[in-house]
Amino acid sequence: MLKRTFLAILAPLVLVACDPQVRANEQEPAANTAAAAAPDQFFQQSPAPLLGSQPGQVLMTGNNPGPQQIPVATANVYSPPQFASGASQVGLRSDVGDRVFFTTDSAVLDPRGAGVVDQLAAWMRQYPSTTLRIEGHADERGTRDYNIALGDQRATAIRNRLLQLGIASERLSTVSYGKERPVASGSTPTVWAQNRRAVFVVL
């Protein structure tokens, strides 16, 4: 009796183990579970790129081995001319100014005068066909010969600075009028200050 009962219980188990169809049906739930998880992995979005620390570089996160150099299009930026009034005496006077001033008995450019000459050099670079005459002047005090020499020193100081700033020597000439061509008349400190000057003339 016990032997028959044992065989009745064991027979279905043996059939299940030996039947391929039964085993396949038992494995289908696991396969379906894996298939259900696959779409999430397949459609996982790629990580967004991060801007690199250098122009034209994009750093990609995720499984990438390292930074990838990705070309980035750059637009051509138009730089308008620095000076807009033209290559003429009027344009020079409007854009830069046409003179600098000096202290008594001096041919040394002060910081303000040096700044004007630097702008003059930039103006001449923008208009490379222009040529310039630099006129040196002095106030009424002192002899004629002394003031001619002083005016020449003032014009030469400006010419030398322009040469240092890259302006070709053939574009520059100098002349000294000393005290012969005052721009203001009188014998006051204000008048003297206006006459101690160098003037830029476009040729």
Protein backbone atom coordinates (compact mmCIF):
# COMPACT_ATOMS: atom_id res chain seq x y z
CA MET A 1 0.00 0.00 0.00
CA LEU A 2 2.78 2.44 0.92
CA LYS A 3 4.69 1.47 -2.21
CA ARG A 4 1.70 2.34 -4.43
CA THR A 5 1.23 5.69 -2.71
CA PHE A 6 4.92 6.56 -3.13
CA LEU A 7 4.78 5.70 -6.86
CA ALA A 8 1.63 7.78 -7.31
CA ILE A 9 3.40 10.84 -5.89
CA LEU A 10 6.72 10.28 -7.71
CA ALA A 11 5.28 9.65 -11.20
CA PRO A 12 4.05 13.21 -11.92
CA LEU A 13 7.39 14.65 -10.79
CA VAL A 14 9.29 12.38 -13.15
CA LEU A 15 7.01 13.34 -16.03
CA VAL A 16 7.52 17.03 -15.39
CA ALA A 17 11.30 16.64 -15.26
CA CYS A 18 11.39 14.67 -18.49
CA ASP A 19 8.88 16.69 -20.55
CA PRO A 20 10.60 19.57 -22.51
CA GLN A 21 7.32 21.39 -23.06
CA VAL A 22 6.70 21.61 -19.32
CA ARG A 23 10.20 22.89 -18.67
CA ALA A 24 9.83 25.54 -21.41
CA ASN A 25 6.58 26.74 -19.88
CA GLU A 26 8.26 27.09 -16.52
CA GLN A 27 11.12 29.17 -17.98
CA GLU A 28 8.84 31.60 -19.89
CA PRO A 29 8.05 33.85 -16.90
CA ALA A 30 11.76 34.51 -16.32
CA ALA A 31 12.27 35.27 -20.01
CA ASN A 32 9.26 37.59 -20.04
CA THR A 33 10.64 39.40 -17.00
CA ALA A 34 13.97 40.00 -18.76
CA ALA A 35 12.18 41.22 -21.91
CA ALA A 36 10.12 43.65 -19.85
CA ALA A 37 13.26 45.15 -18.34
CA ALA A 38 15.07 45.42 -21.70
CA PRO A 39 13.13 48.41 -23.11
CA ASP A 40 14.15 50.57 -20.16
CA GLN A 41 17.79 49.80 -20.84
CA PHE A 42 17.44 50.10 -24.61
CA PHE A 43 15.69 53.44 -24.58
CA GLN A 44 17.77 55.00 -21.82
CA GLN A 45 18.63 58.54 -22.94
CA SER A 46 22.25 59.46 -23.48
CA PRO A 47 23.59 61.94 -20.97
CA ALA A 48 23.55 65.59 -22.00
CA PRO A 49 26.90 67.04 -23.08
CA LEU A 50 28.68 69.43 -20.78
CA LEU A 51 30.70 72.34 -22.03
CA GLY A 52 34.41 71.73 -21.79
CA SER A 53 36.92 73.94 -20.07
CA GLN A 54 38.42 74.97 -23.41
CA PRO A 55 36.79 76.56 -26.47
CA GLY A 56 35.55 73.96 -28.93
CA GLN A 57 35.59 71.11 -26.35
CA VAL A 58 32.53 69.23 -25.09
CA LEU A 59 32.81 66.78 -22.23
CA MET A 60 30.51 63.75 -22.48
CA THR A 61 29.45 61.99 -19.31
CA GLY A 62 28.48 58.33 -19.00
CA ASN A 63 30.54 55.46 -20.34
CA ASN A 64 32.72 57.57 -22.64
CA PRO A 65 36.43 57.07 -21.98
CA GLY A 66 37.21 60.77 -21.73
CA PRO A 67 36.73 64.26 -23.25
CA GLN A 68 35.95 64.32 -26.93
CA GLN A 69 36.94 67.22 -29.14
CA ILE A 70 33.80 68.30 -30.95
CA PRO A 71 34.05 71.24 -33.38
CA VAL A 72 31.93 74.20 -32.39
CA ALA A 73 30.91 76.68 -35.06
CA THR A 74 31.95 80.26 -34.35
CA ALA A 75 30.46 83.28 -36.05
CA ASN A 76 32.67 85.88 -37.68
CA VAL A 77 32.42 89.01 -35.55
CA TYR A 78 32.55 92.28 -37.45
CA SER A 79 34.72 94.91 -35.80
CA PRO A 80 33.70 98.41 -36.88
CA PRO A 81 36.46 100.95 -37.59
CA GLN A 82 37.78 102.69 -34.50
CA PHE A 83 37.56 106.09 -36.19
CA ALA A 84 34.66 107.15 -38.38
CA SER A 85 35.29 110.74 -39.47
CA GLY A 86 37.62 110.05 -42.41
CA ALA A 87 41.24 110.56 -43.40
CA SER A 88 41.26 114.36 -43.45
CA GLN A 89 42.26 117.24 -41.22
CA VAL A 90 38.65 117.59 -40.10
CA GLY A 91 38.43 113.85 -39.42
CA LEU A 92 41.68 113.91 -37.44
CA ARG A 93 40.51 116.84 -35.37
CA SER A 94 37.18 115.14 -34.70
CA ASP A 95 38.48 111.65 -33.91
CA VAL A 96 41.77 112.34 -32.14
CA GLY A 97 42.54 116.04 -31.87
CA ASP A 98 45.20 117.85 -33.86
CA ARG A 99 47.54 119.14 -31.14
CA VAL A 100 49.25 118.53 -27.82
CA PHE A 101 50.63 121.03 -25.30
CA PHE A 102 53.87 121.29 -23.35
CA THR A 103 55.07 122.89 -20.15
CA THR A 104 57.50 125.81 -20.16
CA ASP A 105 60.90 125.09 -21.77
CA SER A 106 60.01 121.39 -22.14
CA ALA A 107 59.71 118.97 -25.04
CA VAL A 108 58.54 116.07 -22.86
CA LEU A 109 55.07 114.66 -23.48
CA ASP A 110 52.96 114.49 -20.33
CA PRO A 111 50.60 111.50 -19.87
CA ARG A 112 47.73 113.32 -21.55
CA GLY A 113 49.85 114.29 -24.54
CA ALA A 114 51.27 110.79 -24.83
CA GLY A 115 47.73 109.41 -24.91
CA VAL A 116 46.82 111.74 -27.78
CA VAL A 117 49.88 110.63 -29.76
CA ASP A 118 48.99 106.98 -29.15
CA GLN A 119 45.53 107.66 -30.58
CA LEU A 120 47.17 109.46 -33.48
CA ALA A 121 49.19 106.34 -34.26
CA ALA A 122 46.03 104.23 -34.23
CA TRP A 123 44.35 106.73 -36.54
CA MET A 124 47.26 106.57 -38.98
CA ARG A 125 47.17 102.77 -38.94
CA GLN A 126 43.50 102.86 -39.87
CA TYR A 127 44.26 105.24 -42.73
CA PRO A 128 47.57 103.89 -44.04
CA SER A 129 47.73 106.24 -47.03
CA THR A 130 47.84 109.40 -44.90
CA THR A 131 50.99 111.41 -44.32
CA LEU A 132 51.52 113.93 -41.55
CA ARG A 133 53.50 117.07 -40.87
CA ILE A 134 54.22 117.77 -37.21
CA GLU A 135 54.64 121.48 -36.41
CA GLY A 136 56.47 122.59 -33.26
CA HIS A 137 55.63 125.94 -31.61
CA ALA A 138 56.70 127.96 -28.60
CA ASP A 139 55.44 130.96 -26.65
CA GLU A 140 56.83 134.49 -27.09
CA ARG A 141 59.42 134.35 -24.31
CA GLY A 142 63.03 133.74 -25.24
CA THR A 143 65.02 134.46 -28.38
CA ARG A 144 63.94 133.45 -31.85
CA ASP A 145 66.73 130.87 -32.22
CA TYR A 146 65.99 129.36 -28.81
CA ASN A 147 62.29 128.92 -29.63
CA ILE A 148 63.02 127.48 -33.10
CA ALA A 149 65.18 124.84 -31.44
CA LEU A 150 62.55 124.20 -28.75
CA GLY A 151 59.79 123.83 -31.35
CA ASP A 152 61.94 121.36 -33.27
CA GLN A 153 62.50 119.29 -30.13
CA ARG A 154 58.76 119.16 -29.51
CA ALA A 155 57.95 118.04 -33.04
CA THR A 156 60.75 115.47 -32.95
CA ALA A 157 59.52 114.02 -29.65
CA ILE A 158 56.14 113.29 -31.24
CA ARG A 159 57.72 111.86 -34.39
CA ASN A 160 59.90 109.53 -32.34
CA ARG A 161 56.92 108.22 -30.39
CA LEU A 162 55.00 107.57 -33.59
CA LEU A 163 57.99 105.65 -34.96
CA GLN A 164 58.06 103.55 -31.80
CA LEU A 165 54.38 102.80 -32.34
CA GLY A 166 55.06 101.43 -35.81
CA ILE A 167 54.35 104.38 -38.10
CA ALA A 168 56.72 104.45 -41.08
CA SER A 169 59.19 107.33 -41.15
CA GLU A 170 58.30 108.28 -44.74
CA ARG A 171 54.81 109.19 -43.57
CA LEU A 172 56.11 111.78 -41.09
CA SER A 173 57.81 115.14 -41.44
CA THR A 174 58.58 117.89 -38.91
CA VAL A 175 58.97 121.64 -38.95
CA SER A 176 59.50 124.25 -36.23
CA TYR A 177 57.97 127.73 -36.28
CA GLY A 178 59.22 128.72 -32.85
CA LYS A 179 57.28 131.73 -31.62
CA GLU A 180 56.50 133.01 -35.14
CA ARG A 181 52.96 131.59 -35.39
CA PRO A 182 51.12 132.07 -32.10
CA VAL A 183 47.57 130.75 -31.90
CA ALA A 184 46.67 133.26 -29.19
CA SER A 185 47.84 136.84 -28.64
CA GLY A 186 48.87 138.39 -25.33
CA SER A 187 51.41 138.06 -22.57
CA THR A 188 49.59 136.04 -19.93
CA PRO A 189 50.19 132.50 -18.60
CA THR A 190 46.99 131.34 -20.28
CA VAL A 191 48.11 132.64 -23.68
CA TRP A 192 51.60 131.19 -23.28
CA ALA A 193 50.14 127.79 -22.42
CA GLN A 194 48.09 127.78 -25.63
CA ASN A 195 51.13 128.64 -27.75
CA ARG A 196 53.41 125.93 -26.28
CA ARG A 197 52.14 123.25 -28.62
CA ALA A 198 52.70 120.85 -31.48
CA VAL A 199 50.12 120.59 -34.26
CA PHE A 200 49.41 117.65 -36.59
CA VAL A 201 48.67 118.56 -40.21
CA VAL A 202 47.33 116.02 -42.69
CA LEU A 203 49.06 116.40 -46.08
